[in-house]
Amino acid sequence: MPPSIVKPLTTKDLSEMTGFSMDYFQKLARAGKIPCQRLGYGSRAMFLFDSAEFEQWWKSNLRKVEPCREVRSASGGRSTGRGSGSKGKTTKSPLAQKVDQLLVSGLAAMSKS
């Protein structure tokens, strides 16, 4: 029985499968960092990828994801990040604050009637 014919993958196929851009896979292919066959030369070159070879390459290049470690402040307490000292303060413009105030007072007046 003849071997089954598998359609090669294009950079567009890889992009759709992985979420990375077509340009990303073209750069890897041009640099020889990913197994592929090149058709043509220059900027119009097309790269074709064997699905089994790509899958093997993809799995071998996956990185283990480590959870972020907790950052502690110098005092030993938990760090709350940027802006921790601005509790209760707003970053809205005075106009936006006035609009919010008018909306709240208008809604309050409407609910009383």
PDB file of N, CA and C in Angstrom:
ATOM      1  N   MET A   1       0.835  -1.167   0.000  1.00  0.00           N
ATOM      2  CA  MET A   1       0.000   0.000   0.000  1.00  0.00           C
ATOM      3  C   MET A   1       0.891   1.245   0.000  1.00  0.00           C
ATOM      4  N   PRO A   2       0.589   2.247  -0.844  1.00  0.00           N
ATOM      5  CA  PRO A   2       1.426   3.452  -0.891  1.00  0.00           C
ATOM      6  C   PRO A   2       1.254   4.265   0.391  1.00  0.00           C
ATOM      7  N   PRO A   3       2.328   4.984   0.781  1.00  0.00           N
ATOM      8  CA  PRO A   3       2.218   5.814   1.989  1.00  0.00           C
ATOM      9  C   PRO A   3       1.182   6.919   1.775  1.00  0.00           C
ATOM     10  N   SER A   4       0.521   7.292   2.841  1.00  0.00           N
ATOM     11  CA  SER A   4      -0.492   8.342   2.715  1.00  0.00           C
ATOM     12  C   SER A   4       0.192   9.680   2.439  1.00  0.00           C
ATOM     13  N   ILE A   5      -0.420  10.457   1.593  1.00  0.00           N
ATOM     14  CA  ILE A   5       0.134  11.755   1.221  1.00  0.00           C
ATOM     15  C   ILE A   5      -0.437  12.797   2.177  1.00  0.00           C
ATOM     16  N   VAL A   6       0.469  13.521   2.807  1.00  0.00           N
ATOM     17  CA  VAL A   6       0.071  14.546   3.755  1.00  0.00           C
ATOM     18  C   VAL A   6       0.367  15.900   3.140  1.00  0.00           C
ATOM     19  N   LYS A   7      -0.630  16.778   3.158  1.00  0.00           N
ATOM     20  CA  LYS A   7      -0.447  18.122   2.618  1.00  0.00           C
ATOM     21  C   LYS A   7       0.495  18.896   3.539  1.00  0.00           C
ATOM     22  N   PRO A   8       1.538  19.523   2.978  1.00  0.00           N
ATOM     23  CA  PRO A   8       2.457  20.301   3.822  1.00  0.00           C
ATOM     24  C   PRO A   8       1.754  21.535   4.394  1.00  0.00           C
ATOM     25  N   LEU A   9       2.258  21.999   5.496  1.00  0.00           N
ATOM     26  CA  LEU A   9       1.715  23.183   6.150  1.00  0.00           C
ATOM     27  C   LEU A   9       2.439  24.432   5.654  1.00  0.00           C
ATOM     28  N   THR A  10       1.731  25.523   5.574  1.00  0.00           N
ATOM     29  CA  THR A  10       2.318  26.814   5.199  1.00  0.00           C
ATOM     30  C   THR A  10       2.491  27.662   6.456  1.00  0.00           C
ATOM     31  N   THR A  11       3.140  28.803   6.307  1.00  0.00           N
ATOM     32  CA  THR A  11       3.293  29.706   7.448  1.00  0.00           C
ATOM     33  C   THR A  11       1.920  30.190   7.917  1.00  0.00           C
ATOM     34  N   LYS A  12       0.982  30.320   7.001  1.00  0.00           N
ATOM     35  CA  LYS A  12      -0.378  30.718   7.381  1.00  0.00           C
ATOM     36  C   LYS A  12      -1.019  29.639   8.251  1.00  0.00           C
ATOM     37  N   ASP A  13      -0.845  28.372   7.874  1.00  0.00           N
ATOM     38  CA  ASP A  13      -1.384  27.265   8.673  1.00  0.00           C
ATOM     39  C   ASP A  13      -0.784  27.279  10.076  1.00  0.00           C
ATOM     40  N   LEU A  14       0.534  27.455  10.158  1.00  0.00           N
ATOM     41  CA  LEU A  14       1.208  27.477  11.459  1.00  0.00           C
ATOM     42  C   LEU A  14       0.722  28.647  12.302  1.00  0.00           C
ATOM     43  N   SER A  15       0.523  29.782  11.654  1.00  0.00           N
ATOM     44  CA  SER A  15       0.035  30.965  12.348  1.00  0.00           C
ATOM     45  C   SER A  15      -1.349  30.717  12.938  1.00  0.00           C
ATOM     46  N   GLU A  16      -2.226  30.111  12.161  1.00  0.00           N
ATOM     47  CA  GLU A  16      -3.577  29.824  12.638  1.00  0.00           C
ATOM     48  C   GLU A  16      -3.568  28.779  13.752  1.00  0.00           C
ATOM     49  N   MET A  17      -2.656  27.820  13.679  1.00  0.00           N
ATOM     50  CA  MET A  17      -2.587  26.759  14.681  1.00  0.00           C
ATOM     51  C   MET A  17      -2.044  27.264  16.024  1.00  0.00           C
ATOM     52  N   THR A  18      -1.078  28.165  15.971  1.00  0.00           N
ATOM     53  CA  THR A  18      -0.347  28.541  17.178  1.00  0.00           C
ATOM     54  C   THR A  18      -0.672  29.931  17.709  1.00  0.00           C
ATOM     55  N   GLY A  19      -1.171  30.812  16.857  1.00  0.00           N
ATOM     56  CA  GLY A  19      -1.421  32.186  17.279  1.00  0.00           C
ATOM     57  C   GLY A  19      -0.240  33.115  17.057  1.00  0.00           C
ATOM     58  N   PHE A  20       0.899  32.567  16.619  1.00  0.00           N
ATOM     59  CA  PHE A  20       2.045  33.396  16.278  1.00  0.00           C
ATOM     60  C   PHE A  20       1.858  33.916  14.851  1.00  0.00           C
ATOM     61  N   SER A  21       2.542  34.992  14.507  1.00  0.00           N
ATOM     62  CA  SER A  21       2.374  35.583  13.183  1.00  0.00           C
ATOM     63  C   SER A  21       3.080  34.754  12.101  1.00  0.00           C
ATOM     64  N   MET A  22       2.630  34.948  10.862  1.00  0.00           N
ATOM     65  CA  MET A  22       3.271  34.296   9.723  1.00  0.00           C
ATOM     66  C   MET A  22       4.715  34.770   9.620  1.00  0.00           C
ATOM     67  N   ASP A  23       4.940  36.047   9.887  1.00  0.00           N
ATOM     68  CA  ASP A  23       6.278  36.627   9.821  1.00  0.00           C
ATOM     69  C   ASP A  23       7.225  35.937  10.800  1.00  0.00           C
ATOM     70  N   TYR A  24       6.711  35.589  11.983  1.00  0.00           N
ATOM     71  CA  TYR A  24       7.520  34.904  12.987  1.00  0.00           C
ATOM     72  C   TYR A  24       8.066  33.590  12.425  1.00  0.00           C
ATOM     73  N   PHE A  25       7.205  32.790  11.788  1.00  0.00           N
ATOM     74  CA  PHE A  25       7.644  31.506  11.249  1.00  0.00           C
ATOM     75  C   PHE A  25       8.537  31.681  10.022  1.00  0.00           C
ATOM     76  N   GLN A  26       8.299  32.728   9.229  1.00  0.00           N
ATOM     77  CA  GLN A  26       9.178  32.997   8.087  1.00  0.00           C
ATOM     78  C   GLN A  26      10.582  33.350   8.566  1.00  0.00           C
ATOM     79  N   LYS A  27      10.675  34.134   9.631  1.00  0.00           N
ATOM     80  CA  LYS A  27      11.992  34.500  10.171  1.00  0.00           C
ATOM     81  C   LYS A  27      12.720  33.276  10.711  1.00  0.00           C
ATOM     82  N   LEU A  28      11.984  32.411  11.408  1.00  0.00           N
ATOM     83  CA  LEU A  28      12.602  31.183  11.920  1.00  0.00           C
ATOM     84  C   LEU A  28      13.090  30.304  10.764  1.00  0.00           C
ATOM     85  N   ALA A  29      12.275  30.207   9.711  1.00  0.00           N
ATOM     86  CA  ALA A  29      12.631  29.371   8.567  1.00  0.00           C
ATOM     87  C   ALA A  29      13.862  29.928   7.843  1.00  0.00           C
ATOM     88  N   ARG A  30      13.876  31.248   7.627  1.00  0.00           N
ATOM     89  CA  ARG A  30      15.030  31.871   6.954  1.00  0.00           C
ATOM     90  C   ARG A  30      16.311  31.665   7.753  1.00  0.00           C
ATOM     91  N   ALA A  31      16.189  31.667   9.076  1.00  0.00           N
ATOM     92  CA  ALA A  31      17.355  31.505   9.947  1.00  0.00           C
ATOM     93  C   ALA A  31      17.738  30.037  10.128  1.00  0.00           C
ATOM     94  N   GLY A  32      16.928  29.131   9.579  1.00  0.00           N
ATOM     95  CA  GLY A  32      17.227  27.705   9.710  1.00  0.00           C
ATOM     96  C   GLY A  32      16.933  27.150  11.094  1.00  0.00           C
ATOM     97  N   LYS A  33      16.050  27.810  11.838  1.00  0.00           N
ATOM     98  CA  LYS A  33      15.755  27.386  13.207  1.00  0.00           C
ATOM     99  C   LYS A  33      14.533  26.478  13.302  1.00  0.00           C
ATOM    100  N   ILE A  34      13.895  26.219  12.172  1.00  0.00           N
ATOM    101  CA  ILE A  34      12.707  25.373  12.153  1.00  0.00           C
ATOM    102  C   ILE A  34      12.790  24.479  10.909  1.00  0.00           C
ATOM    103  N   PRO A  35      12.452  23.197  11.020  1.00  0.00           N
ATOM    104  CA  PRO A  35      12.555  22.319   9.852  1.00  0.00           C
ATOM    105  C   PRO A  35      11.518  22.685   8.786  1.00  0.00           C
ATOM    106  N   CYS A  36      11.992  22.891   7.557  1.00  0.00           N
ATOM    107  CA  CYS A  36      11.080  23.262   6.468  1.00  0.00           C
ATOM    108  C   CYS A  36      11.745  23.027   5.115  1.00  0.00           C
ATOM    109  N   GLN A  37      10.956  23.185   4.069  1.00  0.00           N
ATOM    110  CA  GLN A  37      11.456  23.167   2.703  1.00  0.00           C
ATOM    111  C   GLN A  37      11.182  24.539   2.116  1.00  0.00           C
ATOM    112  N   ARG A  38      12.191  25.102   1.480  1.00  0.00           N
ATOM    113  CA  ARG A  38      12.059  26.432   0.895  1.00  0.00           C
ATOM    114  C   ARG A  38      11.811  26.301  -0.598  1.00  0.00           C
ATOM    115  N   LEU A  39      10.808  27.014  -1.070  1.00  0.00           N
ATOM    116  CA  LEU A  39      10.506  27.054  -2.499  1.00  0.00           C
ATOM    117  C   LEU A  39      10.722  28.473  -2.984  1.00  0.00           C
ATOM    118  N   GLY A  40      11.643  28.661  -3.905  1.00  0.00           N
ATOM    119  CA  GLY A  40      11.920  29.987  -4.426  1.00  0.00           C
ATOM    120  C   GLY A  40      12.993  30.693  -3.634  1.00  0.00           C
ATOM    121  N   TYR A  41      13.262  31.929  -4.040  1.00  0.00           N
ATOM    122  CA  TYR A  41      14.325  32.715  -3.415  1.00  0.00           C
ATOM    123  C   TYR A  41      13.849  34.134  -3.155  1.00  0.00           C
ATOM    124  N   GLY A  42      14.568  34.811  -2.317  1.00  0.00           N
ATOM    125  CA  GLY A  42      14.278  36.219  -2.047  1.00  0.00           C
ATOM    126  C   GLY A  42      13.008  36.411  -1.246  1.00  0.00           C
ATOM    127  N   SER A  43      12.414  37.580  -1.440  1.00  0.00           N
ATOM    128  CA  SER A  43      11.239  37.937  -0.643  1.00  0.00           C
ATOM    129  C   SER A  43       9.999  37.140  -1.038  1.00  0.00           C
ATOM    130  N   ARG A  44      10.040  36.490  -2.207  1.00  0.00           N
ATOM    131  CA  ARG A  44       8.879  35.715  -2.654  1.00  0.00           C
ATOM    132  C   ARG A  44       9.006  34.228  -2.325  1.00  0.00           C
ATOM    133  N   ALA A  45       9.999  33.873  -1.542  1.00  0.00           N
ATOM    134  CA  ALA A  45      10.189  32.474  -1.176  1.00  0.00           C
ATOM    135  C   ALA A  45       9.008  31.996  -0.338  1.00  0.00           C
ATOM    136  N   MET A  46       8.671  30.732  -0.520  1.00  0.00           N
ATOM    137  CA  MET A  46       7.588  30.124   0.244  1.00  0.00           C
ATOM    138  C   MET A  46       8.176  28.984   1.058  1.00  0.00           C
ATOM    139  N   PHE A  47       7.718  28.839   2.281  1.00  0.00           N
ATOM    140  CA  PHE A  47       8.208  27.791   3.157  1.00  0.00           C
ATOM    141  C   PHE A  47       7.095  26.784   3.402  1.00  0.00           C
ATOM    142  N   LEU A  48       7.441  25.506   3.263  1.00  0.00           N
ATOM    143  CA  LEU A  48       6.488  24.433   3.539  1.00  0.00           C
ATOM    144  C   LEU A  48       7.022  23.590   4.682  1.00  0.00           C
ATOM    145  N   PHE A  49       6.111  23.138   5.540  1.00  0.00           N
ATOM    146  CA  PHE A  49       6.480  22.433   6.757  1.00  0.00           C
ATOM    147  C   PHE A  49       5.766  21.085   6.807  1.00  0.00           C
ATOM    148  N   ASP A  50       6.504  20.041   7.140  1.00  0.00           N
ATOM    149  CA  ASP A  50       5.914  18.729   7.348  1.00  0.00           C
ATOM    150  C   ASP A  50       5.223  18.747   8.708  1.00  0.00           C
ATOM    151  N   SER A  51       3.978  18.303   8.769  1.00  0.00           N
ATOM    152  CA  SER A  51       3.218  18.407  10.014  1.00  0.00           C
ATOM    153  C   SER A  51       3.843  17.595  11.150  1.00  0.00           C
ATOM    154  N   ALA A  52       4.355  16.405  10.864  1.00  0.00           N
ATOM    155  CA  ALA A  52       4.961  15.575  11.907  1.00  0.00           C
ATOM    156  C   ALA A  52       6.258  16.212  12.419  1.00  0.00           C
ATOM    157  N   GLU A  53       7.078  16.729  11.496  1.00  0.00           N
ATOM    158  CA  GLU A  53       8.327  17.384  11.904  1.00  0.00           C
ATOM    159  C   GLU A  53       8.036  18.642  12.703  1.00  0.00           C
ATOM    160  N   PHE A  54       7.028  19.411  12.248  1.00  0.00           N
ATOM    161  CA  PHE A  54       6.683  20.632  12.967  1.00  0.00           C
ATOM    162  C   PHE A  54       6.197  20.299  14.370  1.00  0.00           C
ATOM    163  N   GLU A  55       5.334  19.309  14.502  1.00  0.00           N
ATOM    164  CA  GLU A  55       4.807  18.943  15.816  1.00  0.00           C
ATOM    165  C   GLU A  55       5.934  18.536  16.765  1.00  0.00           C
ATOM    166  N   GLN A  56       6.880  17.763  16.258  1.00  0.00           N
ATOM    167  CA  GLN A  56       8.025  17.353  17.072  1.00  0.00           C
ATOM    168  C   GLN A  56       8.859  18.571  17.470  1.00  0.00           C
ATOM    169  N   TRP A  57       9.119  19.460  16.517  1.00  0.00           N
ATOM    170  CA  TRP A  57       9.887  20.672  16.796  1.00  0.00           C
ATOM    171  C   TRP A  57       9.152  21.532  17.822  1.00  0.00           C
ATOM    172  N   TRP A  58       7.852  21.710  17.643  1.00  0.00           N
ATOM    173  CA  TRP A  58       7.035  22.549  18.522  1.00  0.00           C
ATOM    174  C   TRP A  58       7.096  22.034  19.960  1.00  0.00           C
ATOM    175  N   LYS A  59       6.905  20.717  20.118  1.00  0.00           N
ATOM    176  CA  LYS A  59       6.920  20.131  21.464  1.00  0.00           C
ATOM    177  C   LYS A  59       8.290  20.247  22.119  1.00  0.00           C
ATOM    178  N   SER A  60       9.342  20.114  21.329  1.00  0.00           N
ATOM    179  CA  SER A  60      10.691  20.183  21.910  1.00  0.00           C
ATOM    180  C   SER A  60      11.087  21.615  22.266  1.00  0.00           C
ATOM    181  N   ASN A  61      10.387  22.600  21.710  1.00  0.00           N
ATOM    182  CA  ASN A  61      10.719  23.997  21.973  1.00  0.00           C
ATOM    183  C   ASN A  61       9.759  24.683  22.938  1.00  0.00           C
ATOM    184  N   LEU A  62       8.772  23.950  23.437  1.00  0.00           N
ATOM    185  CA  LEU A  62       7.871  24.541  24.421  1.00  0.00           C
ATOM    186  C   LEU A  62       8.629  24.761  25.715  1.00  0.00           C
ATOM    187  N   ARG A  63       8.319  25.834  26.376  1.00  0.00           N
ATOM    188  CA  ARG A  63       8.968  26.135  27.647  1.00  0.00           C
ATOM    189  C   ARG A  63       8.000  25.851  28.777  1.00  0.00           C
ATOM    190  N   LYS A  64       8.552  25.352  29.851  1.00  0.00           N
ATOM    191  CA  LYS A  64       7.732  25.106  31.028  1.00  0.00           C
ATOM    192  C   LYS A  64       7.394  26.457  31.651  1.00  0.00           C
ATOM    193  N   VAL A  65       6.130  26.657  31.952  1.00  0.00           N
ATOM    194  CA  VAL A  65       5.687  27.912  32.532  1.00  0.00           C
ATOM    195  C   VAL A  65       5.738  27.804  34.044  1.00  0.00           C
ATOM    196  N   GLU A  66       6.456  28.706  34.645  1.00  0.00           N
ATOM    197  CA  GLU A  66       6.589  28.742  36.094  1.00  0.00           C
ATOM    198  C   GLU A  66       5.651  29.814  36.636  1.00  0.00           C
ATOM    199  N   PRO A  67       4.993  29.557  37.756  1.00  0.00           N
ATOM    200  CA  PRO A  67       4.148  30.604  38.349  1.00  0.00           C
ATOM    201  C   PRO A  67       5.014  31.747  38.848  1.00  0.00           C
ATOM    202  N   CYS A  68       4.462  32.940  38.852  1.00  0.00           N
ATOM    203  CA  CYS A  68       5.191  34.109  39.352  1.00  0.00           C
ATOM    204  C   CYS A  68       5.398  33.966  40.846  1.00  0.00           C
ATOM    205  N   ARG A  69       6.550  34.371  41.286  1.00  0.00           N
ATOM    206  CA  ARG A  69       6.794  34.312  42.718  1.00  0.00           C
ATOM    207  C   ARG A  69       6.254  35.581  43.349  1.00  0.00           C
ATOM    208  N   GLU A  70       5.875  35.480  44.604  1.00  0.00           N
ATOM    209  CA  GLU A  70       5.310  36.611  45.316  1.00  0.00           C
ATOM    210  C   GLU A  70       6.429  37.579  45.682  1.00  0.00           C
ATOM    211  N   VAL A  71       6.195  38.844  45.457  1.00  0.00           N
ATOM    212  CA  VAL A  71       7.176  39.875  45.775  1.00  0.00           C
ATOM    213  C   VAL A  71       6.799  40.482  47.120  1.00  0.00           C
ATOM    214  N   ARG A  72       7.745  40.570  47.991  1.00  0.00           N
ATOM    215  CA  ARG A  72       7.512  41.152  49.324  1.00  0.00           C
ATOM    216  C   ARG A  72       8.193  42.517  49.399  1.00  0.00           C
ATOM    217  N   SER A  73       7.569  43.410  50.137  1.00  0.00           N
ATOM    218  CA  SER A  73       8.172  44.731  50.314  1.00  0.00           C
ATOM    219  C   SER A  73       9.303  44.625  51.335  1.00  0.00           C
ATOM    220  N   ALA A  74      10.043  45.692  51.488  1.00  0.00           N
ATOM    221  CA  ALA A  74      11.173  45.699  52.426  1.00  0.00           C
ATOM    222  C   ALA A  74      10.706  45.485  53.858  1.00  0.00           C
ATOM    223  N   SER A  75       9.469  45.880  54.166  1.00  0.00           N
ATOM    224  CA  SER A  75       8.962  45.724  55.527  1.00  0.00           C
ATOM    225  C   SER A  75       8.452  44.313  55.788  1.00  0.00           C
ATOM    226  N   GLY A  76       8.450  43.463  54.751  1.00  0.00           N
ATOM    227  CA  GLY A  76       8.017  42.084  54.927  1.00  0.00           C
ATOM    228  C   GLY A  76       6.559  41.868  54.571  1.00  0.00           C
ATOM    229  N   GLY A  77       5.808  42.935  54.391  1.00  0.00           N
ATOM    230  CA  GLY A  77       4.402  42.809  54.012  1.00  0.00           C
ATOM    231  C   GLY A  77       4.262  42.556  52.531  1.00  0.00           C
ATOM    232  N   ARG A  78       3.079  42.214  52.098  1.00  0.00           N
ATOM    233  CA  ARG A  78       2.848  41.977  50.674  1.00  0.00           C
ATOM    234  C   ARG A  78       2.886  43.292  49.911  1.00  0.00           C
ATOM    235  N   SER A  79       3.508  43.253  48.787  1.00  0.00           N
ATOM    236  CA  SER A  79       3.562  44.429  47.936  1.00  0.00           C
ATOM    237  C   SER A  79       2.244  44.553  47.206  1.00  0.00           C
ATOM    238  N   THR A  80       1.687  45.735  47.191  1.00  0.00           N
ATOM    239  CA  THR A  80       0.424  45.942  46.491  1.00  0.00           C
ATOM    240  C   THR A  80       0.629  46.548  45.115  1.00  0.00           C
ATOM    241  N   GLY A  81       1.849  46.761  44.734  1.00  0.00           N
ATOM    242  CA  GLY A  81       2.124  47.259  43.395  1.00  0.00           C
ATOM    243  C   GLY A  81       2.103  48.763  43.312  1.00  0.00           C
ATOM    244  N   ARG A  82       2.140  49.254  42.081  1.00  0.00           N
ATOM    245  CA  ARG A  82       2.187  50.679  41.821  1.00  0.00           C
ATOM    246  C   ARG A  82       0.895  51.357  42.253  1.00  0.00           C
ATOM    247  N   GLY A  83       1.010  52.529  42.788  1.00  0.00           N
ATOM    248  CA  GLY A  83      -0.163  53.294  43.144  1.00  0.00           C
ATOM    249  C   GLY A  83      -0.776  52.896  44.472  1.00  0.00           C
ATOM    250  N   SER A  84      -0.062  52.160  45.288  1.00  0.00           N
ATOM    251  CA  SER A  84      -0.641  51.692  46.544  1.00  0.00           C
ATOM    252  C   SER A  84      -0.886  52.828  47.526  1.00  0.00           C
ATOM    253  N   GLY A  85      -0.171  53.935  47.367  1.00  0.00           N
ATOM    254  CA  GLY A  85      -0.337  55.043  48.294  1.00  0.00           C
ATOM    255  C   GLY A  85      -1.457  55.990  47.900  1.00  0.00           C
ATOM    256  N   SER A  86      -2.200  55.693  46.865  1.00  0.00           N
ATOM    257  CA  SER A  86      -3.235  56.607  46.390  1.00  0.00           C
ATOM    258  C   SER A  86      -4.626  56.088  46.693  1.00  0.00           C
ATOM    259  N   LYS A  87      -4.811  55.488  47.851  1.00  0.00           N
ATOM    260  CA  LYS A  87      -6.116  54.955  48.229  1.00  0.00           C
ATOM    261  C   LYS A  87      -7.130  56.086  48.285  1.00  0.00           C
ATOM    262  N   GLY A  88      -8.256  55.889  47.623  1.00  0.00           N
ATOM    263  CA  GLY A  88      -9.314  56.876  47.676  1.00  0.00           C
ATOM    264  C   GLY A  88      -9.124  58.033  46.721  1.00  0.00           C
ATOM    265  N   LYS A  89      -7.960  58.184  46.157  1.00  0.00           N
ATOM    266  CA  LYS A  89      -7.717  59.276  45.217  1.00  0.00           C
ATOM    267  C   LYS A  89      -8.148  58.847  43.828  1.00  0.00           C
ATOM    268  N   THR A  90      -8.562  59.796  43.030  1.00  0.00           N
ATOM    269  CA  THR A  90      -8.986  59.490  41.678  1.00  0.00           C
ATOM    270  C   THR A  90      -7.994  60.078  40.682  1.00  0.00           C
ATOM    271  N   THR A  91      -7.941  59.478  39.530  1.00  0.00           N
ATOM    272  CA  THR A  91      -7.050  59.985  38.488  1.00  0.00           C
ATOM    273  C   THR A  91      -7.839  60.627  37.363  1.00  0.00           C
ATOM    274  N   LYS A  92      -9.156  60.821  37.576  1.00  0.00           N
ATOM    275  CA  LYS A  92      -9.984  61.430  36.537  1.00  0.00           C
ATOM    276  C   LYS A  92      -9.741  62.930  36.478  1.00  0.00           C
ATOM    277  N   SER A  93     -10.043  63.500  35.328  1.00  0.00           N
ATOM    278  CA  SER A  93      -9.915  64.943  35.163  1.00  0.00           C
ATOM    279  C   SER A  93     -11.026  65.638  35.955  1.00  0.00           C
ATOM    280  N   PRO A  94     -10.856  66.910  36.276  1.00  0.00           N
ATOM    281  CA  PRO A  94     -11.898  67.628  37.003  1.00  0.00           C
ATOM    282  C   PRO A  94     -13.246  67.614  36.270  1.00  0.00           C
ATOM    283  N   LEU A  95     -13.219  67.704  34.945  1.00  0.00           N
ATOM    284  CA  LEU A  95     -14.462  67.673  34.175  1.00  0.00           C
ATOM    285  C   LEU A  95     -15.155  66.322  34.321  1.00  0.00           C
ATOM    286  N   ALA A  96     -14.389  65.222  34.214  1.00  0.00           N
ATOM    287  CA  ALA A  96     -14.965  63.888  34.357  1.00  0.00           C
ATOM    288  C   ALA A  96     -15.514  63.693  35.760  1.00  0.00           C
ATOM    289  N   GLN A  97     -14.832  64.247  36.764  1.00  0.00           N
ATOM    290  CA  GLN A  97     -15.321  64.158  38.140  1.00  0.00           C
ATOM    291  C   GLN A  97     -16.651  64.893  38.292  1.00  0.00           C
ATOM    292  N   LYS A  98     -16.766  66.078  37.677  1.00  0.00           N
ATOM    293  CA  LYS A  98     -17.997  66.865  37.748  1.00  0.00           C
ATOM    294  C   LYS A  98     -19.147  66.142  37.056  1.00  0.00           C
ATOM    295  N   VAL A  99     -18.877  65.544  35.896  1.00  0.00           N
ATOM    296  CA  VAL A  99     -19.900  64.785  35.176  1.00  0.00           C
ATOM    297  C   VAL A  99     -20.379  63.622  36.026  1.00  0.00           C
ATOM    298  N   ASP A 100     -19.457  62.901  36.646  1.00  0.00           N
ATOM    299  CA  ASP A 100     -19.834  61.794  37.524  1.00  0.00           C
ATOM    300  C   ASP A 100     -20.704  62.284  38.682  1.00  0.00           C
ATOM    301  N   GLN A 101     -20.314  63.415  39.267  1.00  0.00           N
ATOM    302  CA  GLN A 101     -21.059  63.975  40.396  1.00  0.00           C
ATOM    303  C   GLN A 101     -22.478  64.347  39.963  1.00  0.00           C
ATOM    304  N   LEU A 102     -22.626  64.990  38.806  1.00  0.00           N
ATOM    305  CA  LEU A 102     -23.939  65.380  38.306  1.00  0.00           C
ATOM    306  C   LEU A 102     -24.799  64.161  37.981  1.00  0.00           C
ATOM    307  N   LEU A 103     -24.176  63.124  37.416  1.00  0.00           N
ATOM    308  CA  LEU A 103     -24.923  61.905  37.115  1.00  0.00           C
ATOM    309  C   LEU A 103     -25.444  61.252  38.384  1.00  0.00           C
ATOM    310  N   VAL A 104     -24.613  61.165  39.390  1.00  0.00           N
ATOM    311  CA  VAL A 104     -25.015  60.562  40.652  1.00  0.00           C
ATOM    312  C   VAL A 104     -26.146  61.371  41.296  1.00  0.00           C
ATOM    313  N   SER A 105     -25.988  62.697  41.335  1.00  0.00           N
ATOM    314  CA  SER A 105     -27.031  63.522  41.959  1.00  0.00           C
ATOM    315  C   SER A 105     -28.312  63.499  41.137  1.00  0.00           C
ATOM    316  N   GLY A 106     -28.188  63.474  39.822  1.00  0.00           N
ATOM    317  CA  GLY A 106     -29.379  63.387  38.965  1.00  0.00           C
ATOM    318  C   GLY A 106     -30.102  62.071  39.122  1.00  0.00           C
ATOM    319  N   LEU A 107     -29.372  60.969  39.206  1.00  0.00           N
ATOM    320  CA  LEU A 107     -29.982  59.667  39.392  1.00  0.00           C
ATOM    321  C   LEU A 107     -30.637  59.568  40.775  1.00  0.00           C
ATOM    322  N   ALA A 108     -29.997  60.171  41.768  1.00  0.00           N
ATOM    323  CA  ALA A 108     -30.565  60.172  43.120  1.00  0.00           C
ATOM    324  C   ALA A 108     -31.873  60.950  43.146  1.00  0.00           C
ATOM    325  N   ALA A 109     -31.923  62.094  42.468  1.00  0.00           N
ATOM    326  CA  ALA A 109     -33.144  62.902  42.411  1.00  0.00           C
ATOM    327  C   ALA A 109     -34.255  62.166  41.676  1.00  0.00           C
ATOM    328  N   MET A 110     -33.891  61.439  40.628  1.00  0.00           N
ATOM    329  CA  MET A 110     -34.890  60.681  39.851  1.00  0.00           C
ATOM    330  C   MET A 110     -35.471  59.547  40.665  1.00  0.00           C
ATOM    331  N   SER A 111     -34.643  58.916  41.480  1.00  0.00           N
ATOM    332  CA  SER A 111     -35.122  57.784  42.262  1.00  0.00           C
ATOM    333  C   SER A 111     -36.036  58.222  43.398  1.00  0.00           C
ATOM    334  N   LYS A 112     -35.902  59.482  43.874  1.00  0.00           N
ATOM    335  CA  LYS A 112     -36.757  60.004  44.948  1.00  0.00           C
ATOM    336  C   LYS A 112     -38.139  60.370  44.424  1.00  0.00           C
ATOM    337  N   SER A 113     -38.244  60.704  43.146  1.00  0.00           N
ATOM    338  CA  SER A 113     -39.530  61.121  42.613  1.00  0.00           C
ATOM    339  C   SER A 113     -40.379  59.986  42.133  1.00  0.00           C
TER     340      SER A 113
END
